[in-house]
Protein backbone atom coordinates (compact mmCIF):
# COMPACT_ATOMS: atom_id res chain seq x y z
CA UNK A 1 1.14 31.41 1.19
CA UNK A 2 1.46 29.94 -2.25
CA UNK A 3 -1.54 29.95 -4.19
CA UNK A 4 -2.82 26.45 -5.61
CA UNK A 5 -2.56 25.60 -8.88
CA UNK A 6 -5.23 24.92 -11.22
CA UNK A 7 -6.05 21.31 -12.52
CA UNK A 8 -4.60 17.90 -10.36
CA UNK A 9 -2.88 18.36 -7.09
CA UNK A 10 0.67 18.08 -6.43
CA UNK A 11 2.38 15.10 -4.73
CA UNK A 12 4.93 16.64 -2.32
CA UNK A 13 8.04 14.50 -0.73
CA UNK A 14 9.79 15.60 2.51
CA UNK A 15 12.28 12.68 3.54
CA UNK A 16 16.42 12.91 3.72
CA UNK A 17 19.16 10.55 2.52
CA UNK A 18 22.79 9.67 3.12
CA UNK A 19 25.68 7.54 4.13
CA UNK A 20 25.05 8.07 7.51
CA UNK A 21 20.83 7.44 8.38
CA UNK A 22 20.56 5.36 4.87
CA UNK A 23 18.44 5.68 2.11
CA UNK A 24 15.41 3.99 2.79
CA UNK A 25 13.27 6.52 3.11
CA UNK A 26 14.12 7.99 0.06
CA UNK A 27 14.17 4.95 -1.50
CA UNK A 28 10.45 4.31 -0.98
CA UNK A 29 9.07 7.28 -1.55
CA UNK A 30 10.46 7.31 -4.91
CA UNK A 31 8.99 4.23 -5.62
CA UNK A 32 5.77 5.48 -4.29
CA UNK A 33 6.37 8.57 -6.80
CA UNK A 34 6.75 6.18 -9.68
CA UNK A 35 3.48 4.12 -8.54
CA UNK A 36 1.52 7.25 -8.35
CA UNK A 37 3.19 9.21 -11.30
CA UNK A 38 -0.32 8.73 -12.98
CA UNK A 39 -2.66 10.28 -10.57
CA UNK A 40 -0.14 13.15 -9.72
CA UNK A 41 1.48 13.92 -12.91
CA UNK A 42 3.26 17.17 -10.82
CA UNK A 43 5.47 15.60 -7.99
CA UNK A 44 7.56 17.17 -5.75
CA UNK A 45 10.78 15.91 -3.78
CA UNK A 46 11.84 18.37 -1.00
CA UNK A 47 15.46 17.27 0.91
CA UNK A 48 18.12 18.87 2.42
CA UNK A 49 21.57 18.25 1.37
CA UNK A 50 21.42 15.39 -1.45
CA UNK A 51 24.44 13.65 -2.29
CA UNK A 52 24.66 14.29 -6.25
CA UNK A 53 23.99 10.85 -7.00
CA UNK A 54 20.82 10.65 -4.94
CA UNK A 55 19.69 13.92 -6.74
CA UNK A 56 20.59 12.55 -9.74
CA UNK A 57 18.48 9.99 -9.03
CA UNK A 58 15.43 11.50 -8.13
CA UNK A 59 15.74 14.13 -11.24
CA UNK A 60 15.97 11.24 -13.51
CA UNK A 61 12.48 9.63 -11.69
CA UNK A 62 10.99 12.68 -13.30
CA UNK A 63 10.45 14.51 -9.97
CA UNK A 64 11.45 18.30 -9.29
CA UNK A 65 13.79 18.18 -6.39
CA UNK A 66 13.67 21.29 -3.72
CA UNK A 67 17.02 21.65 -1.77
CA UNK A 68 16.37 22.81 1.73
CA UNK A 69 18.07 25.11 3.66
CA UNK A 70 19.58 23.19 6.94
CA UNK A 71 17.34 24.62 9.52
CA UNK A 72 15.43 23.76 13.36
CA UNK A 73 12.35 21.65 11.86
CA UNK A 74 10.27 23.62 14.03
CA UNK A 75 11.87 26.62 11.62
CA UNK A 76 11.50 24.51 8.23
CA UNK A 77 7.82 23.53 8.98
CA UNK A 78 7.12 27.34 8.99
CA UNK A 79 8.85 27.94 6.20
CA UNK A 80 7.50 25.55 4.00
CA UNK A 81 3.63 26.55 5.27
CA UNK A 82 4.62 30.19 4.00
CA UNK A 83 6.82 29.65 1.09
CA UNK A 84 6.76 26.33 -0.38
CA UNK A 85 3.16 24.53 -0.02
CA UNK A 86 0.02 24.71 -1.64
CA UNK A 87 -3.70 24.60 0.13
CA UNK A 88 -4.35 21.43 -2.20
CA UNK A 89 -0.90 19.64 -2.28
CA UNK A 90 -0.78 16.32 -0.72
CA UNK A 91 2.62 16.06 1.35
CA UNK A 92 3.78 12.94 2.27
CA UNK A 93 6.49 12.58 5.10
CA UNK A 94 8.71 9.90 5.53
CA UNK A 95 11.55 10.03 8.79
CA UNK A 96 11.60 10.32 12.49
CA UNK A 97 12.16 13.76 13.23
CA UNK A 98 9.11 14.97 11.63
CA UNK A 99 6.81 14.72 14.58
CA UNK A 100 3.66 15.81 15.83
CA UNK A 101 4.15 19.53 16.20
CA UNK A 102 6.20 19.46 12.22
CA UNK A 103 3.24 17.47 11.26
CA UNK A 104 0.33 19.73 12.63
CA UNK A 105 1.82 23.03 11.21
CA UNK A 106 2.20 21.76 7.71
CA UNK A 107 -1.18 19.93 8.11
CA UNK A 108 -2.56 23.18 7.71
CA UNK A 109 -0.98 24.40 4.73
CA UNK A 110 -1.94 21.20 2.70
CA UNK A 111 -5.00 19.50 1.55
CA UNK A 112 -3.85 15.95 3.23
CA UNK A 113 -1.16 14.44 4.70
CA UNK A 114 0.56 11.49 4.87
CA UNK A 115 3.18 9.72 7.23
CA UNK A 116 5.30 6.52 6.11
CA UNK A 117 5.98 5.66 9.55
CA UNK A 118 7.99 2.48 11.20
CA UNK A 119 7.68 3.31 15.01
CA UNK A 120 3.97 4.02 15.90
CA UNK A 121 5.97 5.63 18.53
CA UNK A 122 4.44 9.17 19.01
CA UNK A 123 0.93 11.39 17.99
CA UNK A 124 0.51 11.76 14.58
CA UNK A 125 -1.60 14.59 12.52
CA UNK A 126 -1.46 12.72 9.26
CA UNK A 127 -4.73 11.88 7.37
CA UNK A 128 -3.83 8.99 6.12
CA UNK A 129 -0.35 6.63 7.65
CA UNK A 130 1.48 4.20 5.67
CA UNK A 131 2.84 1.07 7.80
CA UNK A 132 4.67 -1.10 5.59
CA UNK A 133 4.78 -4.13 8.23
CA UNK A 134 1.47 -5.95 9.11
CA UNK A 135 -0.10 -6.93 12.10
CA UNK A 136 -1.05 -3.20 12.58
CA UNK A 137 -4.06 -1.61 13.11
CA UNK A 138 -5.02 1.85 14.29
CA UNK A 139 -5.20 0.71 18.72
CA UNK A 140 -0.96 0.94 17.88
CA UNK A 141 -1.45 4.76 16.93
CA UNK A 142 -2.24 7.70 18.54
CA UNK A 143 -4.28 9.41 15.62
CA UNK A 144 -5.08 13.19 16.11
CA UNK A 145 -6.47 13.97 13.28
CA UNK A 146 -10.36 13.25 12.50
CA UNK A 147 -10.75 10.23 10.29
CA UNK A 148 -7.34 9.43 9.76
CA UNK A 149 -7.02 6.04 8.49
CA UNK A 150 -4.32 3.75 8.77
CA UNK A 151 -3.09 0.99 5.94
CA UNK A 152 -0.75 -1.89 6.87
CA UNK A 153 1.31 -4.56 5.70
CA UNK A 154 2.89 -5.58 1.94
CA UNK A 155 -0.67 -4.95 0.58
CA UNK A 156 0.56 -1.80 0.40
CA UNK A 157 4.23 -1.71 0.40
CA UNK A 158 5.73 0.95 -1.96
CA UNK A 159 8.11 -1.14 -4.03
CA UNK A 160 9.97 -0.19 -6.89
CA UNK A 161 8.39 -2.04 -10.54
CA UNK A 162 11.22 -4.36 -10.87
CA UNK A 163 9.82 -5.88 -7.78
CA UNK A 164 6.13 -5.37 -8.15
CA UNK A 165 4.87 -8.36 -10.08
CA UNK A 166 5.83 -11.73 -9.11
CA UNK A 167 6.92 -14.00 -11.39
CA UNK A 168 4.67 -16.51 -13.73
CA UNK A 169 6.80 -19.19 -12.67
CA UNK A 170 8.82 -19.08 -9.75
CA UNK A 171 12.29 -21.24 -10.22
CA UNK A 172 12.15 -23.30 -7.68
CA UNK A 173 14.47 -21.87 -4.99
CA UNK A 174 18.38 -22.88 -4.37
CA UNK A 175 19.43 -21.87 -1.13
CA UNK A 176 23.38 -22.81 -2.14
CA UNK A 177 23.17 -19.66 -3.26
CA UNK A 178 22.94 -16.73 -1.19
CA UNK A 179 22.47 -13.01 -1.30
CA UNK A 180 23.71 -10.18 1.74
CA UNK A 181 21.92 -7.21 1.36
CA UNK A 182 21.90 -5.00 4.38
CA UNK A 183 20.35 -1.67 2.86
CA UNK A 184 22.02 0.44 0.76
CA UNK A 185 24.16 2.19 3.09
CA UNK A 186 24.37 -0.72 5.83
CA UNK A 187 25.31 1.93 8.15
CA UNK A 188 25.99 -0.54 10.79
CA UNK A 189 28.95 -2.36 8.56
CA UNK A 190 28.01 -6.05 9.02
CA UNK A 191 27.77 -6.82 5.31
CA UNK A 192 31.59 -8.45 5.39
CA UNK A 193 30.71 -10.41 8.46
CA UNK A 194 27.74 -11.35 7.62
CA UNK A 195 29.59 -12.73 4.12
CA UNK A 196 32.18 -14.14 5.60
CA UNK A 197 29.95 -16.60 8.25
CA UNK A 198 28.32 -17.52 4.72
CA UNK A 199 31.07 -18.66 3.53
CA UNK A 200 32.49 -20.96 6.03
CA UNK A 201 29.77 -22.88 5.23
CA UNK A 202 30.39 -26.00 2.97
CA UNK A 203 26.88 -25.66 1.81
CA UNK A 204 26.79 -22.49 0.55
CA UNK A 205 28.21 -22.22 -2.97
CA UNK A 206 27.98 -18.78 -4.23
CA UNK A 207 27.34 -15.26 -2.05
CA UNK A 208 26.37 -11.96 -3.50
CA UNK A 209 26.87 -8.99 -2.02
CA UNK A 210 25.05 -6.01 -2.86
CA UNK A 211 25.51 -2.50 -1.08
CA UNK A 212 24.54 1.22 -2.50
CA UNK A 213 26.47 4.37 -3.44
CA UNK A 214 26.40 5.26 0.56
CA UNK A 215 27.81 2.33 2.06
CA UNK A 216 31.36 3.72 2.84
CA UNK A 217 32.73 -0.07 3.65
CA UNK A 218 33.11 -0.21 -0.09
CA UNK A 219 37.76 0.16 -0.52
CA UNK A 220 37.59 -2.15 1.81
CA UNK A 221 35.19 -4.65 0.52
CA UNK A 222 36.80 -5.08 -2.26
CA UNK A 223 40.22 -5.81 -1.21
CA UNK A 224 38.72 -8.50 0.84
CA UNK A 225 37.09 -10.16 -2.28
CA UNK A 226 39.72 -11.82 -3.99
CA UNK A 227 40.52 -14.11 -1.24
CA UNK A 228 37.03 -15.82 -1.28
CA UNK A 229 36.48 -16.99 -5.57
CA UNK A 230 33.07 -18.00 -4.14
CA UNK A 231 32.08 -14.03 -3.96
CA UNK A 232 30.51 -11.59 -6.09
CA UNK A 233 30.11 -7.98 -5.39
CA UNK A 234 27.23 -5.63 -6.45
CA UNK A 235 27.30 -1.75 -5.45
CA UNK A 236 24.72 0.21 -6.36
CA UNK A 237 22.83 -1.49 -8.80
CA UNK A 238 19.83 -0.61 -10.75
CA UNK A 239 16.49 -2.27 -9.79
CA UNK A 240 15.71 -4.97 -12.87
CA UNK A 241 19.27 -6.11 -12.57
CA UNK A 242 18.96 -6.44 -8.37
CA UNK A 243 15.74 -8.36 -9.00
CA UNK A 244 17.42 -10.39 -11.91
CA UNK A 245 20.19 -11.01 -8.74
CA UNK A 246 17.84 -11.68 -6.75
CA UNK A 247 16.05 -14.40 -8.86
CA UNK A 248 19.39 -16.38 -8.71
CA UNK A 249 19.65 -16.50 -4.86
CA UNK A 250 18.05 -19.26 -3.31
CA UNK A 251 18.51 -17.55 0.16
CA UNK A 252 18.66 -14.19 1.23
CA UNK A 253 20.58 -12.41 3.97
CA UNK A 254 18.73 -8.66 4.43
CA UNK A 255 18.12 -6.29 6.94
CA UNK A 256 14.34 -5.96 7.94
CA UNK A 257 13.78 -3.05 6.01
CA UNK A 258 12.32 -2.47 2.07
CA UNK A 259 15.01 -4.89 0.29
CA UNK A 260 13.83 -7.84 2.22
CA UNK A 261 10.00 -6.90 0.56
CA UNK A 262 11.70 -6.78 -2.33
CA UNK A 263 13.55 -10.02 -2.20
CA UNK A 264 9.83 -11.89 -1.13
CA UNK A 265 8.11 -9.80 -4.34
CA UNK A 266 11.06 -10.42 -7.05
CA UNK A 267 11.99 -14.35 -5.96
CA UNK A 268 11.52 -15.26 -2.71
CA UNK A 269 12.98 -18.12 -0.67
CA UNK A 270 14.69 -18.99 2.29
CA UNK A 271 14.84 -15.15 4.08
CA UNK A 272 17.01 -14.58 6.72
CA UNK A 273 16.45 -11.28 8.66
CA UNK A 274 18.88 -9.28 10.43
CA UNK A 275 17.45 -5.99 11.36
CA UNK A 276 20.74 -3.10 11.53
CA UNK A 277 17.84 -0.15 13.04
CA UNK A 278 15.36 0.01 15.87
CA UNK A 279 12.83 0.95 12.82
CA UNK A 280 12.91 -2.39 11.68
CA UNK A 281 11.38 -4.63 14.72
CA UNK A 282 8.03 -3.84 13.01
CA UNK A 283 9.05 -5.73 9.61
CA UNK A 284 11.39 -8.12 11.56
CA UNK A 285 8.44 -9.26 13.86
CA UNK A 286 5.76 -9.27 10.87
CA UNK A 287 7.53 -11.49 8.36
CA UNK A 288 9.50 -13.67 11.10
CA UNK A 289 5.73 -13.98 13.25
CA UNK A 290 3.45 -15.27 9.33
CA UNK A 291 6.39 -17.21 8.72
CA UNK A 292 7.90 -15.35 5.42
CA UNK A 293 11.41 -14.97 7.33
CA UNK A 294 13.63 -16.56 9.77
CA UNK A 295 16.20 -14.81 11.95
CA UNK A 296 20.00 -14.37 10.63
CA UNK A 297 20.90 -16.50 13.80
CA UNK A 298 19.67 -19.85 12.32
CA UNK A 299 21.15 -19.23 9.00
CA UNK A 300 23.75 -21.84 9.77
CA UNK A 301 21.71 -24.54 11.17
CA UNK A 302 19.46 -24.28 8.21
CA UNK A 303 21.22 -23.65 4.96
CA UNK A 304 23.60 -26.87 6.47
CA UNK A 305 20.41 -28.95 6.78
CA UNK A 306 18.74 -31.59 4.39
CA UNK A 307 15.82 -29.84 4.47
CA UNK A 308 17.15 -26.46 3.18
CA UNK A 309 15.49 -26.51 -0.06
CA UNK A 310 12.62 -27.99 1.23
CA UNK A 311 12.05 -24.94 3.34
CA UNK A 312 13.02 -22.82 0.94
CA UNK A 313 10.05 -23.64 -1.39
CA UNK A 314 7.90 -23.46 1.40
CA UNK A 315 8.89 -20.12 2.44
CA UNK A 316 8.81 -18.92 -1.21
CA UNK A 317 5.16 -20.24 -1.66
CA UNK A 318 4.28 -18.75 1.23
CA UNK A 319 5.63 -14.76 -0.12
CA UNK A 320 4.39 -14.91 -2.95
CA UNK A 321 0.90 -15.43 -1.46
CA UNK A 322 1.73 -12.26 1.17
CA UNK A 323 2.86 -10.25 -2.23
CA UNK A 324 0.25 -10.38 -4.88
CA UNK A 325 1.95 -7.46 -6.97
CA UNK A 326 -1.70 -5.79 -6.58
CA UNK A 327 0.02 -2.92 -4.23
CA UNK A 328 0.10 -0.44 -6.45
CA UNK A 329 -3.69 -0.56 -7.70
CA UNK A 330 -4.11 -0.53 -3.68
CA UNK A 331 -2.01 2.63 -3.10
CA UNK A 332 -3.69 4.04 -6.25
CA UNK A 333 -7.55 3.99 -5.15
CA UNK A 334 -6.44 4.76 -0.96
CA UNK A 335 -4.35 8.04 -2.93
CA UNK A 336 -7.88 8.60 -4.53
CA UNK A 337 -9.71 8.49 -1.55
CA UNK A 338 -7.60 10.15 0.04
CA UNK A 339 -9.09 13.72 -1.97
CA UNK A 340 -12.61 12.74 -0.90
CA UNK A 341 -14.50 14.52 2.08
CA UNK A 342 -15.42 12.51 4.64
CA UNK A 343 -18.48 11.20 4.56
CA UNK A 344 -21.35 13.23 6.33
CA UNK A 345 -23.55 9.98 7.29
CA UNK A 346 -22.76 6.54 9.28
CA UNK A 347 -23.67 3.37 8.38
CA UNK A 348 -25.14 0.43 10.29
CA UNK A 349 -26.88 -2.66 9.29
CA UNK A 350 -30.34 -2.98 8.03
CA UNK A 351 -33.30 -4.43 10.33
CA UNK A 352 -36.44 -5.52 9.00
CA UNK A 353 -38.09 -2.47 10.40
CA UNK A 354 -35.96 -0.61 7.16
CA UNK A 355 -38.42 -2.65 5.16
CA UNK A 356 -41.02 0.04 3.83
CA UNK A 357 -37.67 2.73 3.51
CA UNK A 358 -35.94 -0.36 1.16
CA UNK A 359 -39.24 -1.07 -0.96
CA UNK A 360 -39.23 2.48 -1.69
CA UNK A 361 -36.11 3.13 -3.07
CA UNK A 362 -36.66 -0.01 -4.74
CA UNK A 363 -39.68 1.16 -7.08
CA UNK A 364 -38.75 4.71 -7.48
CA UNK A 365 -38.25 5.00 -11.16
CA UNK A 366 -35.02 6.62 -11.64
CA UNK A 367 -34.02 3.45 -10.00
CA UNK A 368 -36.10 0.87 -12.06
CA UNK A 369 -34.43 2.74 -14.86
CA UNK A 370 -30.63 1.71 -14.28
CA UNK A 371 -31.79 -1.47 -12.47
CA UNK A 372 -30.99 -4.86 -14.85
CA UNK A 373 -34.24 -5.57 -14.06
CA UNK A 374 -36.48 -2.57 -14.65
CA UNK A 375 -39.70 -4.38 -13.14
CA UNK A 376 -41.17 -2.71 -10.28
CA UNK A 377 -40.97 -5.21 -7.19
CA UNK A 378 -43.70 -7.15 -5.42
CA UNK A 379 -44.67 -6.02 -1.41
CA UNK A 380 -44.44 -9.87 -0.82
CA UNK A 381 -41.39 -10.67 -2.80
CA UNK A 382 -39.64 -7.53 -1.70
CA UNK A 383 -39.96 -9.19 2.12
CA UNK A 384 -39.00 -12.20 1.14
CA UNK A 385 -35.82 -11.23 -0.10
CA UNK A 386 -35.55 -8.82 2.92
CA UNK A 387 -35.43 -11.72 5.05
CA UNK A 388 -33.34 -14.01 3.08
CA UNK A 389 -30.53 -11.55 3.33
CA UNK A 390 -30.96 -11.04 6.63
CA UNK A 391 -30.43 -14.50 7.45
CA UNK A 392 -27.86 -14.62 4.78
CA UNK A 393 -24.27 -15.18 6.15
CA UNK A 394 -22.73 -13.75 2.86
CA UNK A 395 -24.76 -10.68 2.67
CA UNK A 396 -24.20 -7.49 4.63
CA UNK A 397 -26.68 -4.81 4.02
CA UNK A 398 -25.70 -1.13 5.14
CA UNK A 399 -28.21 2.01 5.29
CA UNK A 400 -26.14 5.32 5.43
CA UNK A 401 -28.17 7.53 7.92
CA UNK A 402 -27.45 11.38 7.84
CA UNK A 403 -25.20 12.45 10.50
CA UNK A 404 -27.03 15.87 10.54
CA UNK A 405 -30.78 14.47 10.35
CA UNK A 406 -30.86 11.31 11.09
CA UNK A 407 -32.94 10.71 7.85
CA UNK A 408 -32.08 7.65 5.60
CA UNK A 409 -29.64 8.35 2.69
CA UNK A 410 -29.12 5.57 1.02
CA UNK A 411 -28.21 1.96 1.13
CA UNK A 412 -25.12 -0.63 -0.08
CA UNK A 413 -25.50 -3.97 -0.29
CA UNK A 414 -22.91 -7.04 -0.92
CA UNK A 415 -23.08 -10.46 -2.12
CA UNK A 416 -19.69 -12.44 -0.74
CA UNK A 417 -18.69 -15.62 -2.43
CA UNK A 418 -15.20 -16.94 -0.97
CA UNK A 419 -12.87 -13.62 -2.14
CA UNK A 420 -14.70 -11.84 -4.21
CA UNK A 421 -17.72 -9.83 -3.50
CA UNK A 422 -20.50 -7.85 -5.55
CA UNK A 423 -22.30 -4.49 -4.49
CA UNK A 424 -25.08 -2.42 -5.59
CA UNK A 425 -25.90 0.86 -3.89
CA UNK A 426 -28.43 3.57 -4.01
CA UNK A 427 -29.06 7.17 -2.89
CA UNK A 428 -31.94 8.94 -1.64
CA UNK A 429 -33.55 11.47 -4.23
CA UNK A 430 -33.16 13.99 -1.96
CA UNK A 431 -29.58 13.28 -0.86
CA UNK A 432 -28.36 12.80 -4.99
CA UNK A 433 -26.18 15.26 -6.81
CA UNK A 434 -23.88 16.08 -3.56
CA UNK A 435 -21.12 13.86 -4.23
CA UNK A 436 -22.04 11.74 -1.75
CA UNK A 437 -22.21 7.82 -4.02
CA UNK A 438 -18.46 7.63 -3.86
CA UNK A 439 -18.11 8.43 -0.20
CA UNK A 440 -20.62 5.81 -0.30
CA UNK A 441 -18.54 3.22 -1.81
CA UNK A 442 -15.21 3.89 0.14
CA UNK A 443 -17.34 3.57 3.43
CA UNK A 444 -18.82 0.25 2.32
CA UNK A 445 -16.19 -1.35 1.40
CA UNK A 446 -14.21 -0.71 4.46
CA UNK A 447 -17.28 -2.18 6.41
CA UNK A 448 -17.29 -5.00 4.27
CA UNK A 449 -13.60 -5.74 4.64
CA UNK A 450 -14.06 -5.60 8.97
CA UNK A 451 -16.86 -8.36 8.56
CA UNK A 452 -15.15 -10.19 5.40
CA UNK A 453 -11.27 -9.80 5.80
CA UNK A 454 -11.05 -12.42 3.03
CA UNK A 455 -12.17 -10.70 0.42
CA UNK A 456 -10.16 -9.51 -2.01
CA UNK A 457 -12.04 -8.30 -4.97
CA UNK A 458 -15.20 -5.97 -4.87
CA UNK A 459 -17.08 -5.65 -8.23
CA UNK A 460 -20.12 -3.54 -8.77
CA UNK A 461 -21.79 -3.38 -12.70
CA UNK A 462 -23.41 -0.68 -13.96
CA UNK A 463 -25.33 0.54 -16.98
CA UNK A 464 -23.26 2.88 -19.51
CA UNK A 465 -26.38 4.88 -19.93
CA UNK A 466 -25.58 5.57 -15.66
CA UNK A 467 -23.15 8.07 -16.28
CA UNK A 468 -23.42 9.46 -12.52
CA UNK A 469 -22.97 5.80 -11.28
CA UNK A 470 -20.07 5.29 -13.65
CA UNK A 471 -18.01 8.74 -12.26
CA UNK A 472 -19.15 7.82 -9.00
CA UNK A 473 -17.17 4.38 -9.25
CA UNK A 474 -14.12 6.33 -10.91
CA UNK A 475 -13.94 8.75 -8.03
CA UNK A 476 -14.20 6.33 -5.63
CA UNK A 477 -11.28 4.27 -7.45
CA UNK A 478 -12.77 1.27 -9.17
CA UNK A 479 -11.14 0.36 -12.39
CA UNK A 480 -13.39 -0.83 -14.90
CA UNK A 481 -14.29 -2.74 -18.09
CA UNK A 482 -16.77 -3.47 -20.25
CA UNK A 483 -17.76 -7.41 -20.08
CA UNK A 484 -21.44 -8.90 -20.70
CA UNK A 485 -23.66 -8.66 -17.45
CA UNK A 486 -24.28 -13.11 -17.75
CA UNK A 487 -22.26 -14.97 -19.55
CA UNK A 488 -24.21 -15.70 -22.86
CA UNK A 489 -25.69 -12.09 -22.38
CA UNK A 490 -25.82 -9.38 -25.79
CA UNK A 491 -25.81 -6.52 -23.07
CA UNK A 492 -23.12 -4.89 -21.72
CA UNK A 493 -21.96 -3.24 -18.25
CA UNK A 494 -19.30 -1.54 -17.05
CA UNK A 495 -17.89 -3.90 -14.42
CA UNK A 496 -15.71 -1.92 -11.49
CA UNK A 497 -13.22 -3.56 -9.44
CA UNK A 498 -11.61 -2.93 -6.73
CA UNK A 499 -9.07 -4.53 -5.26
CA UNK A 500 -8.86 -4.94 -1.00
CA UNK A 501 -5.62 -6.22 1.29
CA UNK A 502 -4.30 -10.32 1.69
């Protein structure tokens, strides 16, 4: 096996794309690569027989492209494990043929394995599963890797840069202008039919059709277009230009794929879904189920309704809530967390009999030293505080218990106010110096979001002199900025923030 390089681990992608299977797998990995580049400066893309335009696009994005020989996938997995992969790599797979046997072979050759999935149809050996469709949980999956985690929904959807930041002041959508984009390749060849049905509606004033470089019906589409002066054709648009076209369209007919998410994020409005592949079932069900889209079969009735503009505005507002522009931060946080080992402890709720242990920790000199109130705490005050917290529905206190010895290892607590939670934590002296603090922060935040799913931001305040705690928050993927501890205060703290899913 190739020896691992020093420094940051490589991020290695594996996907295929062409005019037959479409470009969806490759394009969403390209978006993920761009998002994670600050954390993983060395990125490698493994692909079989890419078309020249696609290969050039990957290289222009700063990826090292490794063209794989065509061979059975079982042989490919063994070849990658022997010749290509490093033991510190993070390998990301996106494709329906990379099933459990393939994953299990390459998993032993890398540090972590990530799988982008739309089907939840077979066992997985991945450490992290990413499904852009919402409404899913680990109960939908057969996760064979101990401690495997699932990221689901638009909160973690990798979108290209042009679609990541919602417009500050969105233009009220005009559903008389309609976008048609059934993916870059439209392998089922429905683009022309859909455009013709829309052009037959008197309420539709303009139809913008967008296809990619892999679309095989371009010449036929060009020959048909002159008959329809309300039709504008676009081919292989760069992402910024596609986002601009989307912003002109108050309605859209999209495949239930990444392009539908791009429309929601860049502009929003009446979104009609036309699935073009079996793997689009999850996104189709999710977007329609939460009111962010309607089926294409309803488009004629809605677009010709006097309520079309009102429905478009309502749908746009709902889309903006789900596509909040924070997905890149969440993804960077989760991929940083992926590099950490599993915690050697479990968390349980604090109970009244933990009072003595908590008071001992609270009054330990090193803990008081870095507390914003260094005065020792009396037993009476502590017991009153603990009783109040245990009865407070907006408080969560969790004790970390060492899995091997059963000894109490530390505490993490949260105070919740609406969509924001503030945390503080400590470790027992005998458990310090083992790198457990970031593991405690991550485990605690995950338990917090289980108990308080409405929380969207988690904050932690640290004195700059507390270097160990500063490093712990950074390793756990929190972002930092210096702010006053309290309004009007002269002392400064470093406030760390972690965004959670919407």
